Amino acid sequence: MLDVKDAAVQTALRRACEEVGLPDSLRGCVYPLLRDPEGDWPDCCGGGCHPCASSLVDVAMRTLELLGTPRRAPGVG
């Protein structure tokens, strides 16, 4: 389980948010994905939600890449 309060995780998460275009105020929505990086992640429902689940997944995947621990479980969507 990844410690989302760790400084390195926070730095990578901020960078991933910037790269993907997710507002910094929504980065807490990515925490559940980072806490269980190999678990089931949501798919986009097509309902126009904000933030979209696919954006959160993109940020989580990029954060894990930046940390050098890319997701090993099958990707989503």
N, C-alpha and C. Protein backbone atom coordinates (compact mmCIF):
# COMPACT_ATOMS: atom_id res chain seq x y z
N MET A 1 0.84 -1.17 0.00
CA MET A 1 0.00 0.00 0.00
C MET A 1 0.89 1.24 0.00
N LEU A 2 0.60 2.16 -0.88
CA LEU A 2 1.37 3.39 -1.02
C LEU A 2 0.92 4.42 0.02
N ASP A 3 1.87 5.09 0.65
CA ASP A 3 1.56 6.15 1.61
C ASP A 3 1.36 7.45 0.84
N VAL A 4 0.11 7.86 0.67
CA VAL A 4 -0.19 9.04 -0.14
C VAL A 4 0.30 10.34 0.50
N LYS A 5 0.66 10.30 1.77
CA LYS A 5 1.17 11.50 2.45
C LYS A 5 2.68 11.65 2.32
N ASP A 6 3.34 10.63 1.77
CA ASP A 6 4.78 10.67 1.58
C ASP A 6 5.13 11.82 0.62
N ALA A 7 6.19 12.53 0.91
CA ALA A 7 6.59 13.70 0.11
C ALA A 7 6.85 13.34 -1.35
N ALA A 8 7.49 12.20 -1.60
CA ALA A 8 7.77 11.79 -2.98
C ALA A 8 6.49 11.49 -3.74
N VAL A 9 5.53 10.88 -3.06
CA VAL A 9 4.24 10.58 -3.69
C VAL A 9 3.51 11.88 -4.00
N GLN A 10 3.51 12.81 -3.07
CA GLN A 10 2.84 14.09 -3.29
C GLN A 10 3.47 14.86 -4.45
N THR A 11 4.78 14.83 -4.55
CA THR A 11 5.48 15.52 -5.64
C THR A 11 5.10 14.89 -6.98
N ALA A 12 5.14 13.57 -7.04
CA ALA A 12 4.78 12.87 -8.28
C ALA A 12 3.31 13.11 -8.63
N LEU A 13 2.45 13.11 -7.64
CA LEU A 13 1.02 13.33 -7.86
C LEU A 13 0.76 14.74 -8.39
N ARG A 14 1.42 15.73 -7.81
CA ARG A 14 1.26 17.11 -8.32
C ARG A 14 1.70 17.22 -9.78
N ARG A 15 2.83 16.61 -10.09
CA ARG A 15 3.33 16.65 -11.46
C ARG A 15 2.35 15.95 -12.41
N ALA A 16 1.86 14.78 -12.01
CA ALA A 16 0.91 14.04 -12.84
C ALA A 16 -0.37 14.85 -13.06
N CYS A 17 -0.84 15.51 -12.02
CA CYS A 17 -2.04 16.36 -12.15
C CYS A 17 -1.80 17.46 -13.18
N GLU A 18 -0.64 18.09 -13.10
CA GLU A 18 -0.30 19.14 -14.05
C GLU A 18 -0.26 18.60 -15.47
N GLU A 19 0.39 17.45 -15.66
CA GLU A 19 0.53 16.87 -16.99
C GLU A 19 -0.82 16.47 -17.59
N VAL A 20 -1.69 15.92 -16.77
CA VAL A 20 -2.99 15.44 -17.25
C VAL A 20 -4.02 16.57 -17.31
N GLY A 21 -3.79 17.61 -16.53
CA GLY A 21 -4.72 18.74 -16.52
C GLY A 21 -5.81 18.62 -15.46
N LEU A 22 -5.55 17.79 -14.44
CA LEU A 22 -6.50 17.67 -13.33
C LEU A 22 -6.18 18.77 -12.31
N PRO A 23 -7.17 19.57 -11.94
CA PRO A 23 -6.91 20.62 -10.95
C PRO A 23 -6.33 20.05 -9.65
N ASP A 24 -5.40 20.77 -9.09
CA ASP A 24 -4.74 20.35 -7.86
C ASP A 24 -5.76 20.10 -6.75
N SER A 25 -6.85 20.83 -6.76
CA SER A 25 -7.86 20.69 -5.72
C SER A 25 -8.55 19.33 -5.76
N LEU A 26 -8.41 18.60 -6.87
CA LEU A 26 -9.06 17.29 -7.01
C LEU A 26 -8.10 16.13 -6.85
N ARG A 27 -6.86 16.41 -6.50
CA ARG A 27 -5.88 15.31 -6.42
C ARG A 27 -6.23 14.30 -5.33
N GLY A 28 -6.97 14.71 -4.32
CA GLY A 28 -7.40 13.77 -3.29
C GLY A 28 -8.29 12.66 -3.83
N CYS A 29 -8.93 12.90 -4.96
CA CYS A 29 -9.76 11.88 -5.60
C CYS A 29 -8.93 10.73 -6.14
N VAL A 30 -7.63 10.94 -6.29
CA VAL A 30 -6.73 9.91 -6.82
C VAL A 30 -6.19 9.02 -5.69
N TYR A 31 -6.26 9.49 -4.45
CA TYR A 31 -5.69 8.74 -3.33
C TYR A 31 -6.17 7.29 -3.26
N PRO A 32 -7.47 7.01 -3.41
CA PRO A 32 -7.89 5.59 -3.32
C PRO A 32 -7.22 4.70 -4.37
N LEU A 33 -6.97 5.24 -5.54
CA LEU A 33 -6.31 4.45 -6.59
C LEU A 33 -4.86 4.18 -6.22
N LEU A 34 -4.20 5.17 -5.63
CA LEU A 34 -2.80 5.00 -5.24
C LEU A 34 -2.65 4.08 -4.03
N ARG A 35 -3.64 4.09 -3.16
CA ARG A 35 -3.58 3.21 -1.99
C ARG A 35 -3.71 1.74 -2.38
N ASP A 36 -4.38 1.48 -3.50
CA ASP A 36 -4.57 0.11 -3.98
C ASP A 36 -4.21 0.07 -5.47
N PRO A 37 -2.91 0.24 -5.78
CA PRO A 37 -2.51 0.40 -7.18
C PRO A 37 -2.77 -0.80 -8.07
N GLU A 38 -2.93 -1.98 -7.50
CA GLU A 38 -3.19 -3.16 -8.33
C GLU A 38 -4.64 -3.63 -8.21
N GLY A 39 -5.47 -2.84 -7.54
CA GLY A 39 -6.87 -3.21 -7.37
C GLY A 39 -7.73 -2.86 -8.56
N ASP A 40 -9.01 -3.03 -8.40
CA ASP A 40 -9.97 -2.67 -9.45
C ASP A 40 -10.10 -1.16 -9.51
N TRP A 41 -9.94 -0.62 -10.69
CA TRP A 41 -10.08 0.81 -10.90
C TRP A 41 -11.32 1.06 -11.74
N PRO A 42 -11.96 2.20 -11.54
CA PRO A 42 -13.21 2.48 -12.26
C PRO A 42 -12.98 2.79 -13.74
N ASP A 43 -14.00 2.50 -14.52
CA ASP A 43 -14.04 2.88 -15.93
C ASP A 43 -14.88 4.13 -16.07
N CYS A 44 -14.72 4.83 -17.16
CA CYS A 44 -15.57 5.97 -17.47
C CYS A 44 -16.99 5.44 -17.70
N CYS A 45 -17.97 6.12 -17.10
CA CYS A 45 -19.36 5.68 -17.24
C CYS A 45 -20.06 6.36 -18.42
N GLY A 46 -19.39 7.36 -19.01
CA GLY A 46 -19.98 8.08 -20.14
C GLY A 46 -21.02 9.10 -19.72
N GLY A 47 -21.11 9.36 -18.43
CA GLY A 47 -22.13 10.28 -17.92
C GLY A 47 -21.70 11.73 -17.82
N GLY A 48 -20.50 12.05 -18.26
CA GLY A 48 -20.03 13.43 -18.21
C GLY A 48 -19.64 13.89 -16.81
N CYS A 49 -19.27 12.97 -15.96
CA CYS A 49 -18.88 13.30 -14.58
C CYS A 49 -17.62 14.16 -14.56
N HIS A 50 -17.48 14.95 -13.51
CA HIS A 50 -16.26 15.72 -13.32
C HIS A 50 -15.82 15.56 -11.89
N PRO A 51 -14.65 15.01 -11.65
CA PRO A 51 -13.71 14.55 -12.66
C PRO A 51 -14.12 13.19 -13.21
N CYS A 52 -13.78 12.95 -14.43
CA CYS A 52 -14.07 11.67 -15.06
C CYS A 52 -13.13 10.61 -14.46
N ALA A 53 -13.68 9.41 -14.29
CA ALA A 53 -12.87 8.32 -13.75
C ALA A 53 -11.63 8.07 -14.60
N SER A 54 -11.75 8.23 -15.91
CA SER A 54 -10.59 7.99 -16.77
C SER A 54 -9.49 9.01 -16.52
N SER A 55 -9.85 10.24 -16.17
CA SER A 55 -8.84 11.25 -15.83
C SER A 55 -8.13 10.89 -14.54
N LEU A 56 -8.89 10.41 -13.57
CA LEU A 56 -8.29 10.00 -12.30
C LEU A 56 -7.34 8.82 -12.51
N VAL A 57 -7.74 7.88 -13.36
CA VAL A 57 -6.90 6.74 -13.67
C VAL A 57 -5.63 7.21 -14.37
N ASP A 58 -5.76 8.14 -15.31
CA ASP A 58 -4.59 8.67 -16.02
C ASP A 58 -3.60 9.29 -15.03
N VAL A 59 -4.11 10.05 -14.09
CA VAL A 59 -3.25 10.69 -13.08
C VAL A 59 -2.59 9.63 -12.21
N ALA A 60 -3.35 8.65 -11.77
CA ALA A 60 -2.79 7.59 -10.92
C ALA A 60 -1.71 6.81 -11.67
N MET A 61 -1.98 6.45 -12.91
CA MET A 61 -0.99 5.70 -13.68
C MET A 61 0.28 6.52 -13.89
N ARG A 62 0.13 7.80 -14.19
CA ARG A 62 1.31 8.65 -14.40
C ARG A 62 2.07 8.82 -13.09
N THR A 63 1.36 8.97 -11.98
CA THR A 63 2.01 9.10 -10.67
C THR A 63 2.85 7.86 -10.39
N LEU A 64 2.28 6.68 -10.63
CA LEU A 64 3.02 5.44 -10.40
C LEU A 64 4.23 5.34 -11.31
N GLU A 65 4.09 5.77 -12.56
CA GLU A 65 5.24 5.77 -13.48
C GLU A 65 6.34 6.68 -12.96
N LEU A 66 5.97 7.87 -12.52
CA LEU A 66 6.95 8.83 -12.01
C LEU A 66 7.67 8.29 -10.77
N LEU A 67 6.96 7.48 -9.99
CA LEU A 67 7.56 6.88 -8.79
C LEU A 67 8.39 5.65 -9.13
N GLY A 68 8.34 5.21 -10.38
CA GLY A 68 9.09 4.03 -10.77
C GLY A 68 8.40 2.73 -10.38
N THR A 69 7.09 2.80 -10.11
CA THR A 69 6.32 1.62 -9.71
C THR A 69 5.06 1.53 -10.57
N PRO A 70 5.22 1.32 -11.88
CA PRO A 70 4.04 1.30 -12.75
C PRO A 70 3.08 0.17 -12.39
N ARG A 71 1.83 0.37 -12.73
CA ARG A 71 0.78 -0.61 -12.46
C ARG A 71 1.09 -1.90 -13.22
N ARG A 72 0.96 -3.02 -12.52
CA ARG A 72 1.21 -4.32 -13.14
C ARG A 72 -0.07 -5.05 -13.49
N ALA A 73 -1.16 -4.71 -12.81
CA ALA A 73 -2.45 -5.35 -13.09
C ALA A 73 -2.96 -4.85 -14.43
N PRO A 74 -3.89 -5.57 -15.02
CA PRO A 74 -4.43 -5.13 -16.31
C PRO A 74 -4.96 -3.71 -16.25
N GLY A 75 -4.75 -2.98 -17.32
CA GLY A 75 -5.27 -1.62 -17.41
C GLY A 75 -6.77 -1.61 -17.49
N VAL A 76 -7.33 -0.44 -17.37
CA VAL A 76 -8.78 -0.29 -17.44
C VAL A 76 -9.17 0.24 -18.80
N GLY A 77 -10.47 0.09 -19.07
CA GLY A 77 -11.09 0.66 -20.26
C GLY A 77 -10.31 0.46 -21.46
